[in-house]
């Protein structure tokens, strides 16, 4: 089963009504073939052909919102992640808080923290600061690429881009948003496995068991 199908099926079970998948131009035909017969899936081509000319994750989110006419609470996911937990608890957390939300997990390795988003929070999970790939991490709370944005915050994505918000890493917008609106950080209830290479994929296949029994 394809990784994206695991995410799609869990999203459906968690109450997500429709899905928008953004691909670069190089692989768009594969995603369109995959989406055939899936009435609740829209596939968009952002036009980029290689890493040097990519538009960046934040602009991809803006692109999807505009092209798909999104005006509702929205779940943003990096599509190259295998999860051993359901996203339903994250969605329920976001609904209960009534704010945009991110996930967090404990990471003690400073080298890894320097390669990801790092967040500081208060006792109520409210985000105090968020920084992408910091040289000196302010906490051990790492932020994976899963975000829940309430519809009222969606216009700030375009505003953030126009005001110089970083556009490559999706967490750059969280930094901008958290300075203007309340954002809460949900404790990730399990593990995620990011597939960044063929070697990484093979490693996950050997280490990870039981996703079908989730």
C-alpha atoms as a PDB file:
ATOM      1  CA  UNK A   1       0.000   0.000   0.000  1.00  0.00           C
ATOM      2  CA  UNK A   2       1.234   3.492  -0.798  1.00  0.00           C
ATOM      3  CA  UNK A   3       2.215   5.757   2.092  1.00  0.00           C
ATOM      4  CA  UNK A   4      -0.181   8.438   0.881  1.00  0.00           C
ATOM      5  CA  UNK A   5      -3.038   5.912   1.011  1.00  0.00           C
ATOM      6  CA  UNK A   6      -2.395   5.306   4.709  1.00  0.00           C
ATOM      7  CA  UNK A   7      -2.649   9.074   5.319  1.00  0.00           C
ATOM      8  CA  UNK A   8      -5.755   9.368   3.162  1.00  0.00           C
ATOM      9  CA  UNK A   9      -7.581   6.497   4.844  1.00  0.00           C
ATOM     10  CA  UNK A  10      -6.766   7.756   8.324  1.00  0.00           C
ATOM     11  CA  UNK A  11      -7.879  11.240   7.329  1.00  0.00           C
ATOM     12  CA  UNK A  12     -11.207   9.914   6.095  1.00  0.00           C
ATOM     13  CA  UNK A  13     -11.750   7.991   9.338  1.00  0.00           C
ATOM     14  CA  UNK A  14     -10.880  11.167  11.254  1.00  0.00           C
ATOM     15  CA  UNK A  15     -13.532  13.238   9.482  1.00  0.00           C
ATOM     16  CA  UNK A  16     -11.529  14.968   6.736  1.00  0.00           C
ATOM     17  CA  UNK A  17     -13.974  15.663   3.904  1.00  0.00           C
ATOM     18  CA  UNK A  18     -11.653  16.366   0.987  1.00  0.00           C
ATOM     19  CA  UNK A  19      -7.981  16.210   0.139  1.00  0.00           C
ATOM     20  CA  UNK A  20      -5.731  18.439  -1.937  1.00  0.00           C
ATOM     21  CA  UNK A  21      -2.403  16.957  -3.015  1.00  0.00           C
ATOM     22  CA  UNK A  22       0.292  19.288  -4.349  1.00  0.00           C
ATOM     23  CA  UNK A  23       3.053  17.777  -6.481  1.00  0.00           C
ATOM     24  CA  UNK A  24       5.863  19.224  -8.528  1.00  0.00           C
ATOM     25  CA  UNK A  25       5.579  19.019 -12.307  1.00  0.00           C
ATOM     26  CA  UNK A  26       8.072  16.157 -12.569  1.00  0.00           C
ATOM     27  CA  UNK A  27       5.836  13.657 -10.787  1.00  0.00           C
ATOM     28  CA  UNK A  28       2.369  15.101 -11.418  1.00  0.00           C
ATOM     29  CA  UNK A  29       1.354  12.328 -13.850  1.00  0.00           C
ATOM     30  CA  UNK A  30       1.976   9.667 -11.185  1.00  0.00           C
ATOM     31  CA  UNK A  31      -0.230  11.475  -8.660  1.00  0.00           C
ATOM     32  CA  UNK A  32      -2.983  12.046 -11.218  1.00  0.00           C
ATOM     33  CA  UNK A  33      -2.945   8.347 -12.056  1.00  0.00           C
ATOM     34  CA  UNK A  34      -3.075   7.498  -8.362  1.00  0.00           C
ATOM     35  CA  UNK A  35      -6.042   9.850  -7.803  1.00  0.00           C
ATOM     36  CA  UNK A  36      -8.218   8.371 -10.567  1.00  0.00           C
ATOM     37  CA  UNK A  37     -11.548   7.301  -9.103  1.00  0.00           C
ATOM     38  CA  UNK A  38     -10.974   9.203  -5.827  1.00  0.00           C
ATOM     39  CA  UNK A  39     -13.799  11.754  -5.930  1.00  0.00           C
ATOM     40  CA  UNK A  40     -12.663  13.543  -2.754  1.00  0.00           C
ATOM     41  CA  UNK A  41      -9.087  14.125  -3.982  1.00  0.00           C
ATOM     42  CA  UNK A  42      -7.802  17.078  -6.027  1.00  0.00           C
ATOM     43  CA  UNK A  43      -4.254  16.920  -7.423  1.00  0.00           C
ATOM     44  CA  UNK A  44      -2.453  20.175  -8.207  1.00  0.00           C
ATOM     45  CA  UNK A  45       0.737  20.817 -10.185  1.00  0.00           C
ATOM     46  CA  UNK A  46       2.818  23.658  -8.726  1.00  0.00           C
ATOM     47  CA  UNK A  47       4.927  23.814 -11.899  1.00  0.00           C
ATOM     48  CA  UNK A  48       8.333  23.251 -10.313  1.00  0.00           C
ATOM     49  CA  UNK A  49      10.724  20.882 -12.077  1.00  0.00           C
ATOM     50  CA  UNK A  50      13.664  20.543  -9.660  1.00  0.00           C
ATOM     51  CA  UNK A  51      14.852  21.540  -6.164  1.00  0.00           C
ATOM     52  CA  UNK A  52      16.597  24.667  -7.441  1.00  0.00           C
ATOM     53  CA  UNK A  53      13.306  26.030  -8.809  1.00  0.00           C
ATOM     54  CA  UNK A  54      10.827  24.800  -6.191  1.00  0.00           C
ATOM     55  CA  UNK A  55       8.446  27.416  -4.833  1.00  0.00           C
ATOM     56  CA  UNK A  56       8.644  26.222  -1.220  1.00  0.00           C
ATOM     57  CA  UNK A  57       6.216  24.503   1.135  1.00  0.00           C
ATOM     58  CA  UNK A  58       4.528  27.671   2.406  1.00  0.00           C
ATOM     59  CA  UNK A  59       3.832  28.900  -1.122  1.00  0.00           C
ATOM     60  CA  UNK A  60       2.543  25.426  -1.980  1.00  0.00           C
ATOM     61  CA  UNK A  61       0.046  25.761   0.877  1.00  0.00           C
ATOM     62  CA  UNK A  62      -1.015  29.197  -0.374  1.00  0.00           C
ATOM     63  CA  UNK A  63      -1.283  27.753  -3.912  1.00  0.00           C
ATOM     64  CA  UNK A  64      -3.527  24.909  -2.703  1.00  0.00           C
ATOM     65  CA  UNK A  65      -5.797  27.250  -0.726  1.00  0.00           C
ATOM     66  CA  UNK A  66      -6.315  29.526  -3.717  1.00  0.00           C
ATOM     67  CA  UNK A  67      -6.702  26.836  -6.397  1.00  0.00           C
ATOM     68  CA  UNK A  68      -8.992  24.612  -4.339  1.00  0.00           C
ATOM     69  CA  UNK A  69     -10.962  27.473  -2.792  1.00  0.00           C
ATOM     70  CA  UNK A  70     -10.276  26.258   0.732  1.00  0.00           C
ATOM     71  CA  UNK A  71     -12.176  28.157   3.445  1.00  0.00           C
ATOM     72  CA  UNK A  72     -12.402  25.743   6.333  1.00  0.00           C
ATOM     73  CA  UNK A  73     -10.286  24.331   9.146  1.00  0.00           C
ATOM     74  CA  UNK A  74      -7.395  22.663   7.363  1.00  0.00           C
ATOM     75  CA  UNK A  75      -4.976  19.840   8.144  1.00  0.00           C
ATOM     76  CA  UNK A  76      -1.550  20.155   6.490  1.00  0.00           C
ATOM     77  CA  UNK A  77       0.630  17.051   6.162  1.00  0.00           C
ATOM     78  CA  UNK A  78       3.958  16.212   4.582  1.00  0.00           C
ATOM     79  CA  UNK A  79       3.089  13.228   2.412  1.00  0.00           C
ATOM     80  CA  UNK A  80       6.309  11.273   2.982  1.00  0.00           C
ATOM     81  CA  UNK A  81       5.593  10.211   6.562  1.00  0.00           C
ATOM     82  CA  UNK A  82       4.466   6.876   7.983  1.00  0.00           C
ATOM     83  CA  UNK A  83       2.660   7.169  11.321  1.00  0.00           C
ATOM     84  CA  UNK A  84       1.967   4.577  13.996  1.00  0.00           C
ATOM     85  CA  UNK A  85      -0.916   6.653  15.389  1.00  0.00           C
ATOM     86  CA  UNK A  86      -4.141   8.169  14.070  1.00  0.00           C
ATOM     87  CA  UNK A  87      -4.479  11.868  13.287  1.00  0.00           C
ATOM     88  CA  UNK A  88      -7.943  11.890  14.880  1.00  0.00           C
ATOM     89  CA  UNK A  89      -6.616  12.896  18.304  1.00  0.00           C
ATOM     90  CA  UNK A  90      -4.745  15.842  16.771  1.00  0.00           C
ATOM     91  CA  UNK A  91      -7.880  17.038  14.997  1.00  0.00           C
ATOM     92  CA  UNK A  92      -9.956  16.713  18.171  1.00  0.00           C
ATOM     93  CA  UNK A  93      -7.275  18.616  20.086  1.00  0.00           C
ATOM     94  CA  UNK A  94      -7.434  21.442  17.550  1.00  0.00           C
ATOM     95  CA  UNK A  95     -11.217  21.595  17.745  1.00  0.00           C
ATOM     96  CA  UNK A  96     -11.115  21.658  21.543  1.00  0.00           C
ATOM     97  CA  UNK A  97      -8.528  24.454  21.636  1.00  0.00           C
ATOM     98  CA  UNK A  98     -10.266  26.447  18.918  1.00  0.00           C
ATOM     99  CA  UNK A  99      -6.895  27.640  17.613  1.00  0.00           C
ATOM    100  CA  UNK A 100      -4.365  26.633  15.009  1.00  0.00           C
ATOM    101  CA  UNK A 101      -2.148  23.827  16.330  1.00  0.00           C
ATOM    102  CA  UNK A 102       1.133  22.057  15.677  1.00  0.00           C
ATOM    103  CA  UNK A 103       2.568  18.782  16.948  1.00  0.00           C
ATOM    104  CA  UNK A 104       5.609  18.372  19.176  1.00  0.00           C
ATOM    105  CA  UNK A 105       7.774  15.497  20.330  1.00  0.00           C
ATOM    106  CA  UNK A 106      10.772  15.260  22.638  1.00  0.00           C
ATOM    107  CA  UNK A 107      14.187  15.215  20.909  1.00  0.00           C
ATOM    108  CA  UNK A 108      17.350  15.257  23.030  1.00  0.00           C
ATOM    109  CA  UNK A 109      19.825  15.074  20.137  1.00  0.00           C
ATOM    110  CA  UNK A 110      20.969  18.648  19.414  1.00  0.00           C
ATOM    111  CA  UNK A 111      22.212  17.706  15.959  1.00  0.00           C
ATOM    112  CA  UNK A 112      18.705  16.590  15.025  1.00  0.00           C
ATOM    113  CA  UNK A 113      17.140  19.642  16.621  1.00  0.00           C
ATOM    114  CA  UNK A 114      19.290  21.838  14.404  1.00  0.00           C
ATOM    115  CA  UNK A 115      17.668  20.205  11.369  1.00  0.00           C
ATOM    116  CA  UNK A 116      14.025  20.696  12.343  1.00  0.00           C
ATOM    117  CA  UNK A 117      11.601  23.190  13.852  1.00  0.00           C
ATOM    118  CA  UNK A 118      11.952  23.782  17.592  1.00  0.00           C
ATOM    119  CA  UNK A 119       9.222  25.233  19.781  1.00  0.00           C
ATOM    120  CA  UNK A 120       8.943  26.614  23.305  1.00  0.00           C
ATOM    121  CA  UNK A 121       5.606  26.415  25.107  1.00  0.00           C
ATOM    122  CA  UNK A 122       3.947  27.369  28.377  1.00  0.00           C
ATOM    123  CA  UNK A 123       2.054  25.083  30.774  1.00  0.00           C
ATOM    124  CA  UNK A 124      -1.108  25.254  28.655  1.00  0.00           C
ATOM    125  CA  UNK A 125       0.729  24.155  25.452  1.00  0.00           C
ATOM    126  CA  UNK A 126       0.601  27.699  24.070  1.00  0.00           C
ATOM    127  CA  UNK A 127       3.458  28.324  21.635  1.00  0.00           C
ATOM    128  CA  UNK A 128       5.815  31.026  22.917  1.00  0.00           C
ATOM    129  CA  UNK A 129       8.357  30.759  20.107  1.00  0.00           C
ATOM    130  CA  UNK A 130       9.010  28.654  17.028  1.00  0.00           C
ATOM    131  CA  UNK A 131      12.258  28.511  15.071  1.00  0.00           C
ATOM    132  CA  UNK A 132      13.220  26.471  12.026  1.00  0.00           C
ATOM    133  CA  UNK A 133      16.637  24.779  12.121  1.00  0.00           C
ATOM    134  CA  UNK A 134      18.071  26.833  15.006  1.00  0.00           C
ATOM    135  CA  UNK A 135      21.798  26.923  15.630  1.00  0.00           C
ATOM    136  CA  UNK A 136      21.098  26.970  19.369  1.00  0.00           C
ATOM    137  CA  UNK A 137      17.806  25.155  20.136  1.00  0.00           C
ATOM    138  CA  UNK A 138      15.812  26.753  22.958  1.00  0.00           C
ATOM    139  CA  UNK A 139      14.099  23.515  23.974  1.00  0.00           C
ATOM    140  CA  UNK A 140      13.908  19.798  23.223  1.00  0.00           C
ATOM    141  CA  UNK A 141      10.481  20.090  21.600  1.00  0.00           C
ATOM    142  CA  UNK A 142      10.840  19.213  17.924  1.00  0.00           C
ATOM    143  CA  UNK A 143       8.033  19.996  15.482  1.00  0.00           C
ATOM    144  CA  UNK A 144       7.131  17.468  12.748  1.00  0.00           C
ATOM    145  CA  UNK A 145       5.417  18.675   9.532  1.00  0.00           C
ATOM    146  CA  UNK A 146       1.803  18.273  10.664  1.00  0.00           C
ATOM    147  CA  UNK A 147      -0.320  21.387  11.158  1.00  0.00           C
ATOM    148  CA  UNK A 148      -3.938  22.199  11.948  1.00  0.00           C
ATOM    149  CA  UNK A 149      -5.007  25.680  10.844  1.00  0.00           C
ATOM    150  CA  UNK A 150      -8.381  27.187  11.761  1.00  0.00           C
ATOM    151  CA  UNK A 151     -10.017  28.890   8.802  1.00  0.00           C
ATOM    152  CA  UNK A 152      -9.670  32.334  10.394  1.00  0.00           C
ATOM    153  CA  UNK A 153      -5.878  32.000  10.179  1.00  0.00           C
ATOM    154  CA  UNK A 154      -5.668  30.938   6.525  1.00  0.00           C
ATOM    155  CA  UNK A 155      -5.517  34.538   5.160  1.00  0.00           C
ATOM    156  CA  UNK A 156      -2.372  35.093   7.230  1.00  0.00           C
ATOM    157  CA  UNK A 157      -0.459  32.680   4.979  1.00  0.00           C
ATOM    158  CA  UNK A 158      -0.644  35.109   2.055  1.00  0.00           C
ATOM    159  CA  UNK A 159      -0.007  38.022   4.414  1.00  0.00           C
ATOM    160  CA  UNK A 160       3.028  36.268   5.897  1.00  0.00           C
ATOM    161  CA  UNK A 161       4.551  35.607   2.485  1.00  0.00           C
ATOM    162  CA  UNK A 162       4.042  39.240   1.482  1.00  0.00           C
ATOM    163  CA  UNK A 163       5.724  40.354   4.713  1.00  0.00           C
ATOM    164  CA  UNK A 164       8.862  38.258   4.276  1.00  0.00           C
ATOM    165  CA  UNK A 165       7.917  35.000   6.030  1.00  0.00           C
ATOM    166  CA  UNK A 166      10.218  32.145   4.989  1.00  0.00           C
ATOM    167  CA  UNK A 167       8.621  29.969   2.332  1.00  0.00           C
ATOM    168  CA  UNK A 168      10.827  26.864   2.059  1.00  0.00           C
ATOM    169  CA  UNK A 169      10.103  25.064   5.349  1.00  0.00           C
ATOM    170  CA  UNK A 170       6.399  24.884   6.330  1.00  0.00           C
ATOM    171  CA  UNK A 171       7.232  25.680   9.945  1.00  0.00           C
ATOM    172  CA  UNK A 172       8.396  29.150   8.932  1.00  0.00           C
ATOM    173  CA  UNK A 173       4.778  30.234   8.757  1.00  0.00           C
ATOM    174  CA  UNK A 174       4.155  28.909  12.273  1.00  0.00           C
ATOM    175  CA  UNK A 175       6.813  31.324  13.540  1.00  0.00           C
ATOM    176  CA  UNK A 176       4.986  34.187  11.849  1.00  0.00           C
ATOM    177  CA  UNK A 177       1.543  33.036  12.978  1.00  0.00           C
ATOM    178  CA  UNK A 178       2.460  32.427  16.634  1.00  0.00           C
ATOM    179  CA  UNK A 179       3.555  36.055  16.978  1.00  0.00           C
ATOM    180  CA  UNK A 180       0.063  37.200  15.969  1.00  0.00           C
ATOM    181  CA  UNK A 181      -2.440  34.516  16.946  1.00  0.00           C
ATOM    182  CA  UNK A 182      -2.602  31.827  19.646  1.00  0.00           C
ATOM    183  CA  UNK A 183      -1.113  28.512  18.491  1.00  0.00           C
ATOM    184  CA  UNK A 184      -1.053  25.381  20.637  1.00  0.00           C
ATOM    185  CA  UNK A 185       1.351  22.432  20.503  1.00  0.00           C
ATOM    186  CA  UNK A 186      -0.111  18.930  20.725  1.00  0.00           C
ATOM    187  CA  UNK A 187       2.063  16.167  22.172  1.00  0.00           C
ATOM    188  CA  UNK A 188       2.522  13.590  19.413  1.00  0.00           C
ATOM    189  CA  UNK A 189       0.952  10.332  20.684  1.00  0.00           C
ATOM    190  CA  UNK A 190       3.231   7.958  18.791  1.00  0.00           C
ATOM    191  CA  UNK A 191       6.072   7.800  16.316  1.00  0.00           C
ATOM    192  CA  UNK A 192       6.506   9.006  12.769  1.00  0.00           C
ATOM    193  CA  UNK A 193       8.908   7.707  10.175  1.00  0.00           C
ATOM    194  CA  UNK A 194      10.007  10.196   7.509  1.00  0.00           C
ATOM    195  CA  UNK A 195      10.946   8.702   4.144  1.00  0.00           C
ATOM    196  CA  UNK A 196      13.673  10.987   2.819  1.00  0.00           C
ATOM    197  CA  UNK A 197      15.528   8.524   0.615  1.00  0.00           C
ATOM    198  CA  UNK A 198      15.418   4.992  -0.781  1.00  0.00           C
ATOM    199  CA  UNK A 199      17.759   3.917   2.039  1.00  0.00           C
ATOM    200  CA  UNK A 200      15.448   5.474   4.589  1.00  0.00           C
ATOM    201  CA  UNK A 201      12.478   3.738   3.035  1.00  0.00           C
ATOM    202  CA  UNK A 202      14.168   0.339   3.212  1.00  0.00           C
ATOM    203  CA  UNK A 203      15.144   0.971   6.839  1.00  0.00           C
ATOM    204  CA  UNK A 204      11.552   1.782   7.748  1.00  0.00           C
ATOM    205  CA  UNK A 205      10.318  -1.365   6.004  1.00  0.00           C
ATOM    206  CA  UNK A 206      12.616  -3.435   8.225  1.00  0.00           C
ATOM    207  CA  UNK A 207      11.997  -1.572  11.499  1.00  0.00           C
ATOM    208  CA  UNK A 208       8.337  -0.728  11.318  1.00  0.00           C
ATOM    209  CA  UNK A 209       5.706  -3.395  11.779  1.00  0.00           C
ATOM    210  CA  UNK A 210       1.962  -3.488  12.247  1.00  0.00           C
ATOM    211  CA  UNK A 211       0.648  -0.387  10.474  1.00  0.00           C
ATOM    212  CA  UNK A 212      -2.240  -2.462   9.075  1.00  0.00           C
ATOM    213  CA  UNK A 213      -3.238  -3.365  12.646  1.00  0.00           C
ATOM    214  CA  UNK A 214      -3.428   0.276  13.773  1.00  0.00           C
END
